[in-house]
Amino acid sequence: GDVIHRMLTATQYVAPLMANFNPSYSRNSTVQYLDNGTVFVVQWDKVYLQGKEDMGSFTFQAALHSSGRIVFGYQEIPVPVLQISASQHPVKAGLSDAFMVLNPSPDVPESRRRTIYEYHRVELDTSRITNLSAVEFTPLPTCLQHQSCETCVTSELTFNCSWCHVLQR
């Protein structure tokens, strides 16, 4: 994609395994998804690394649950992930989020400078990604989970939250 897309994919991702995959290499390679309203699943099935097709095919998936739980499942990982070259494409596994701010450029008043701020990242130890393995992320509790003033003020969360009567949260 364009420059913005490439910059954001480096900092905003849900990646069970990010590498230079080529789903068009084989007729048996697919990237499929399912959304049943409770879970959204993306599966990379029998995909090959671009230019390294002799390494074998990879099959893995990401499942994003409406509860906030995320599960990465690895069925077929033919080589250790640490052996995958990052020269053509980053090799990552984990979660990352960021946001972009457009600021006026001091040198050219009519232009804007794009700044991307990464504010949270969870990286997996790629040496532990193997055949028939899985990783589960569970969301931490937040103030927003409370549905009433009573549950909010009696909460045992360790951060300072309070009930907003106007917003009812």
C-alpha atoms as a PDB file:
ATOM      1  CA  GLY A   1       0.000   0.000   0.000  1.00  0.00           C
ATOM      2  CA  ASP A   2       0.901   3.657   0.220  1.00  0.00           C
ATOM      3  CA  VAL A   3       3.382   5.114   2.693  1.00  0.00           C
ATOM      4  CA  ILE A   4       0.740   5.711   5.384  1.00  0.00           C
ATOM      5  CA  HIS A   5      -0.455   2.114   5.118  1.00  0.00           C
ATOM      6  CA  ARG A   6       3.102   0.763   5.427  1.00  0.00           C
ATOM      7  CA  MET A   7       3.835   3.038   8.391  1.00  0.00           C
ATOM      8  CA  LEU A   8       0.662   2.017  10.228  1.00  0.00           C
ATOM      9  CA  THR A   9       1.072  -1.718   9.570  1.00  0.00           C
ATOM     10  CA  ALA A  10       4.438  -1.488  11.305  1.00  0.00           C
ATOM     11  CA  THR A  11       2.718  -0.167  14.433  1.00  0.00           C
ATOM     12  CA  GLN A  12      -0.952  -1.275  14.269  1.00  0.00           C
ATOM     13  CA  TYR A  13      -1.478  -4.982  14.012  1.00  0.00           C
ATOM     14  CA  VAL A  14      -3.001  -8.155  15.377  1.00  0.00           C
ATOM     15  CA  ALA A  15      -0.479 -10.651  14.025  1.00  0.00           C
ATOM     16  CA  PRO A  16      -0.320 -14.337  14.862  1.00  0.00           C
ATOM     17  CA  LEU A  17       2.616 -14.420  12.432  1.00  0.00           C
ATOM     18  CA  MET A  18       3.632 -11.518  10.230  1.00  0.00           C
ATOM     19  CA  ALA A  19       6.112 -12.405   7.472  1.00  0.00           C
ATOM     20  CA  ASN A  20       6.460 -12.214   3.689  1.00  0.00           C
ATOM     21  CA  PHE A  21       3.744 -14.770   2.908  1.00  0.00           C
ATOM     22  CA  ASN A  22       2.620 -15.402  -0.668  1.00  0.00           C
ATOM     23  CA  PRO A  23      -0.909 -16.896  -0.713  1.00  0.00           C
ATOM     24  CA  SER A  24      -0.909 -16.902  -4.536  1.00  0.00           C
ATOM     25  CA  TYR A  25       1.957 -19.427  -4.748  1.00  0.00           C
ATOM     26  CA  SER A  26      -0.273 -22.498  -4.510  1.00  0.00           C
ATOM     27  CA  ARG A  27      -3.865 -23.220  -5.465  1.00  0.00           C
ATOM     28  CA  ASN A  28      -4.168 -24.866  -2.038  1.00  0.00           C
ATOM     29  CA  SER A  29      -3.180 -21.664  -0.203  1.00  0.00           C
ATOM     30  CA  THR A  30      -6.076 -19.673   1.230  1.00  0.00           C
ATOM     31  CA  VAL A  31      -6.773 -16.865   3.634  1.00  0.00           C
ATOM     32  CA  GLN A  32     -10.277 -17.314   5.000  1.00  0.00           C
ATOM     33  CA  TYR A  33     -12.384 -15.567   7.599  1.00  0.00           C
ATOM     34  CA  LEU A  34     -15.486 -16.287   9.650  1.00  0.00           C
ATOM     35  CA  ASP A  35     -17.585 -13.860  11.674  1.00  0.00           C
ATOM     36  CA  ASN A  36     -20.503 -15.254  13.654  1.00  0.00           C
ATOM     37  CA  GLY A  37     -21.063 -12.127  15.756  1.00  0.00           C
ATOM     38  CA  THR A  38     -19.318 -13.620  18.790  1.00  0.00           C
ATOM     39  CA  VAL A  39     -15.929 -14.417  17.265  1.00  0.00           C
ATOM     40  CA  PHE A  40     -14.072 -13.183  14.185  1.00  0.00           C
ATOM     41  CA  VAL A  41     -11.525 -15.710  12.890  1.00  0.00           C
ATOM     42  CA  VAL A  42      -8.930 -15.287  10.149  1.00  0.00           C
ATOM     43  CA  GLN A  43      -7.064 -18.400   9.008  1.00  0.00           C
ATOM     44  CA  TRP A  44      -3.990 -18.563   6.815  1.00  0.00           C
ATOM     45  CA  ASP A  45      -4.088 -22.097   5.389  1.00  0.00           C
ATOM     46  CA  LYS A  46      -1.125 -23.674   3.580  1.00  0.00           C
ATOM     47  CA  VAL A  47       0.577 -20.333   2.832  1.00  0.00           C
ATOM     48  CA  TYR A  48       4.203 -20.146   1.730  1.00  0.00           C
ATOM     49  CA  LEU A  49       6.951 -17.604   2.262  1.00  0.00           C
ATOM     50  CA  GLN A  50       7.727 -15.593  -0.881  1.00  0.00           C
ATOM     51  CA  GLY A  51      10.892 -16.967  -2.486  1.00  0.00           C
ATOM     52  CA  LYS A  52      11.219 -19.640   0.228  1.00  0.00           C
ATOM     53  CA  GLU A  53       8.452 -21.976  -0.882  1.00  0.00           C
ATOM     54  CA  ASP A  54      10.758 -24.971  -0.326  1.00  0.00           C
ATOM     55  CA  MET A  55      10.508 -24.379   3.452  1.00  0.00           C
ATOM     56  CA  GLY A  56       6.950 -25.745   3.412  1.00  0.00           C
ATOM     57  CA  SER A  57       3.502 -24.355   4.091  1.00  0.00           C
ATOM     58  CA  PHE A  58       2.241 -22.573   7.203  1.00  0.00           C
ATOM     59  CA  THR A  59      -1.247 -22.869   8.706  1.00  0.00           C
ATOM     60  CA  PHE A  60      -2.293 -20.592  11.574  1.00  0.00           C
ATOM     61  CA  GLN A  61      -5.174 -18.415  12.708  1.00  0.00           C
ATOM     62  CA  ALA A  62      -6.261 -15.492  14.845  1.00  0.00           C
ATOM     63  CA  ALA A  63      -9.596 -15.537  16.707  1.00  0.00           C
ATOM     64  CA  LEU A  64     -10.911 -12.225  18.077  1.00  0.00           C
ATOM     65  CA  HIS A  65     -13.736 -12.807  20.559  1.00  0.00           C
ATOM     66  CA  SER A  66     -16.363 -10.168  21.384  1.00  0.00           C
ATOM     67  CA  SER A  67     -15.301 -10.464  25.043  1.00  0.00           C
ATOM     68  CA  GLY A  68     -11.900  -9.008  24.090  1.00  0.00           C
ATOM     69  CA  ARG A  69     -10.127 -12.370  24.288  1.00  0.00           C
ATOM     70  CA  ILE A  70      -7.722 -13.079  21.420  1.00  0.00           C
ATOM     71  CA  VAL A  71      -6.384 -16.535  20.552  1.00  0.00           C
ATOM     72  CA  PHE A  72      -3.583 -17.279  18.094  1.00  0.00           C
ATOM     73  CA  GLY A  73      -3.513 -20.928  16.982  1.00  0.00           C
ATOM     74  CA  TYR A  74      -0.636 -22.539  15.128  1.00  0.00           C
ATOM     75  CA  GLN A  75      -1.283 -25.812  13.328  1.00  0.00           C
ATOM     76  CA  GLU A  76       1.601 -26.062  10.891  1.00  0.00           C
ATOM     77  CA  ILE A  77       4.871 -24.166  11.357  1.00  0.00           C
ATOM     78  CA  PRO A  78       7.402 -26.045   9.194  1.00  0.00           C
ATOM     79  CA  VAL A  79      10.529 -24.154  10.319  1.00  0.00           C
ATOM     80  CA  PRO A  80      11.491 -22.247  13.454  1.00  0.00           C
ATOM     81  CA  VAL A  81      10.175 -18.683  13.138  1.00  0.00           C
ATOM     82  CA  LEU A  82      13.634 -17.383  14.094  1.00  0.00           C
ATOM     83  CA  GLN A  83      14.898 -18.809  10.765  1.00  0.00           C
ATOM     84  CA  ILE A  84      12.504 -16.664   8.690  1.00  0.00           C
ATOM     85  CA  SER A  85      14.359 -13.800   7.039  1.00  0.00           C
ATOM     86  CA  ALA A  86      13.159 -10.265   7.796  1.00  0.00           C
ATOM     87  CA  SER A  87      15.099  -8.715   4.891  1.00  0.00           C
ATOM     88  CA  GLN A  88      12.028  -8.361   2.610  1.00  0.00           C
ATOM     89  CA  HIS A  89       9.330  -8.004   5.264  1.00  0.00           C
ATOM     90  CA  PRO A  90       9.236  -7.697   9.079  1.00  0.00           C
ATOM     91  CA  VAL A  91       8.740 -10.931  10.999  1.00  0.00           C
ATOM     92  CA  LYS A  92       6.562 -10.331  14.053  1.00  0.00           C
ATOM     93  CA  ALA A  93       3.997 -12.000  16.242  1.00  0.00           C
ATOM     94  CA  GLY A  94       1.838 -10.147  18.717  1.00  0.00           C
ATOM     95  CA  LEU A  95      -0.349  -7.083  19.147  1.00  0.00           C
ATOM     96  CA  SER A  96       0.409  -3.410  18.641  1.00  0.00           C
ATOM     97  CA  ASP A  97      -1.605  -0.218  18.536  1.00  0.00           C
ATOM     98  CA  ALA A  98      -0.821   3.351  17.567  1.00  0.00           C
ATOM     99  CA  PHE A  99      -2.427   6.544  16.369  1.00  0.00           C
ATOM    100  CA  MET A 100      -1.470   9.180  13.825  1.00  0.00           C
ATOM    101  CA  VAL A 101      -1.445  12.943  14.319  1.00  0.00           C
ATOM    102  CA  LEU A 102      -1.357  15.439  11.460  1.00  0.00           C
ATOM    103  CA  ASN A 103       0.594  18.546  12.486  1.00  0.00           C
ATOM    104  CA  PRO A 104       1.207  21.638  10.358  1.00  0.00           C
ATOM    105  CA  SER A 105       4.764  21.594   9.098  1.00  0.00           C
ATOM    106  CA  PRO A 106       6.715  24.660  10.332  1.00  0.00           C
ATOM    107  CA  ASP A 107       8.696  24.796   7.077  1.00  0.00           C
ATOM    108  CA  VAL A 108       5.750  24.565   4.678  1.00  0.00           C
ATOM    109  CA  PRO A 109       2.593  26.095   6.244  1.00  0.00           C
ATOM    110  CA  GLU A 110       0.125  24.469   3.803  1.00  0.00           C
ATOM    111  CA  SER A 111       1.477  20.950   4.398  1.00  0.00           C
ATOM    112  CA  ARG A 112       1.046  18.598   7.324  1.00  0.00           C
ATOM    113  CA  ARG A 113       3.560  16.364   9.014  1.00  0.00           C
ATOM    114  CA  ARG A 114       2.342  12.894   9.945  1.00  0.00           C
ATOM    115  CA  THR A 115       3.514  11.555  13.277  1.00  0.00           C
ATOM    116  CA  ILE A 116       2.653   8.035  14.417  1.00  0.00           C
ATOM    117  CA  TYR A 117       2.636   7.335  18.139  1.00  0.00           C
ATOM    118  CA  GLU A 118       2.800   3.722  19.195  1.00  0.00           C
ATOM    119  CA  TYR A 119       1.296   3.413  22.653  1.00  0.00           C
ATOM    120  CA  HIS A 120       1.069  -0.297  23.339  1.00  0.00           C
ATOM    121  CA  ARG A 121       2.718  -3.459  22.047  1.00  0.00           C
ATOM    122  CA  VAL A 122       2.809  -7.092  23.159  1.00  0.00           C
ATOM    123  CA  GLU A 123       5.453  -9.137  21.359  1.00  0.00           C
ATOM    124  CA  LEU A 124       5.443 -12.912  21.429  1.00  0.00           C
ATOM    125  CA  ASP A 125       8.610 -14.930  21.871  1.00  0.00           C
ATOM    126  CA  THR A 126       8.717 -16.334  18.330  1.00  0.00           C
ATOM    127  CA  SER A 127      10.951 -19.207  19.415  1.00  0.00           C
ATOM    128  CA  ARG A 128       7.881 -20.653  21.166  1.00  0.00           C
ATOM    129  CA  ILE A 129       5.682 -20.673  18.045  1.00  0.00           C
ATOM    130  CA  THR A 130       5.588 -24.327  16.986  1.00  0.00           C
ATOM    131  CA  ASN A 131       3.257 -26.890  15.447  1.00  0.00           C
ATOM    132  CA  LEU A 132       0.033 -27.369  17.422  1.00  0.00           C
ATOM    133  CA  SER A 133       0.638 -24.479  19.818  1.00  0.00           C
ATOM    134  CA  ALA A 134      -1.576 -21.579  20.854  1.00  0.00           C
ATOM    135  CA  VAL A 135      -1.388 -18.247  22.650  1.00  0.00           C
ATOM    136  CA  GLU A 136      -4.302 -16.641  24.491  1.00  0.00           C
ATOM    137  CA  PHE A 137      -4.586 -12.947  25.385  1.00  0.00           C
ATOM    138  CA  THR A 138      -7.197 -12.006  27.967  1.00  0.00           C
ATOM    139  CA  PRO A 139      -8.224  -8.374  28.461  1.00  0.00           C
ATOM    140  CA  LEU A 140      -7.507  -6.618  31.724  1.00  0.00           C
ATOM    141  CA  PRO A 141     -10.474  -5.180  33.641  1.00  0.00           C
ATOM    142  CA  THR A 142     -11.384  -1.539  32.995  1.00  0.00           C
ATOM    143  CA  CYS A 143     -13.680   1.069  34.496  1.00  0.00           C
ATOM    144  CA  LEU A 144     -15.897   0.808  31.418  1.00  0.00           C
ATOM    145  CA  GLN A 145     -17.007  -2.712  32.318  1.00  0.00           C
ATOM    146  CA  HIS A 146     -19.222  -1.440  35.148  1.00  0.00           C
ATOM    147  CA  GLN A 147     -22.911  -1.149  34.380  1.00  0.00           C
ATOM    148  CA  SER A 148     -24.042   0.700  37.515  1.00  0.00           C
ATOM    149  CA  CYS A 149     -22.806   3.186  40.092  1.00  0.00           C
ATOM    150  CA  GLU A 150     -22.914   0.504  42.785  1.00  0.00           C
ATOM    151  CA  THR A 151     -20.680  -1.963  40.924  1.00  0.00           C
ATOM    152  CA  CYS A 152     -18.284   0.867  40.082  1.00  0.00           C
ATOM    153  CA  VAL A 153     -17.798   2.230  43.591  1.00  0.00           C
ATOM    154  CA  THR A 154     -17.546  -1.250  45.152  1.00  0.00           C
ATOM    155  CA  SER A 155     -15.056  -2.434  42.514  1.00  0.00           C
ATOM    156  CA  GLU A 156     -11.685  -3.733  43.602  1.00  0.00           C
ATOM    157  CA  LEU A 157      -9.888  -2.356  40.562  1.00  0.00           C
ATOM    158  CA  THR A 158      -6.561  -0.861  41.541  1.00  0.00           C
ATOM    159  CA  PHE A 159      -6.900   2.360  39.583  1.00  0.00           C
ATOM    160  CA  ASN A 160      -8.862   5.483  40.395  1.00  0.00           C
ATOM    161  CA  CYS A 161     -12.208   5.363  38.620  1.00  0.00           C
ATOM    162  CA  SER A 162     -15.527   6.925  39.533  1.00  0.00           C
ATOM    163  CA  TRP A 163     -19.094   6.762  38.297  1.00  0.00           C
ATOM    164  CA  CYS A 164     -20.339   9.465  35.895  1.00  0.00           C
ATOM    165  CA  HIS A 165     -24.052  10.068  36.533  1.00  0.00           C
ATOM    166  CA  VAL A 166     -24.437  12.051  33.301  1.00  0.00           C
ATOM    167  CA  LEU A 167     -23.056   9.309  31.034  1.00  0.00           C
ATOM    168  CA  GLN A 168     -24.272   6.472  33.258  1.00  0.00           C
ATOM    169  CA  ARG A 169     -20.898   4.779  33.180  1.00  0.00           C
END
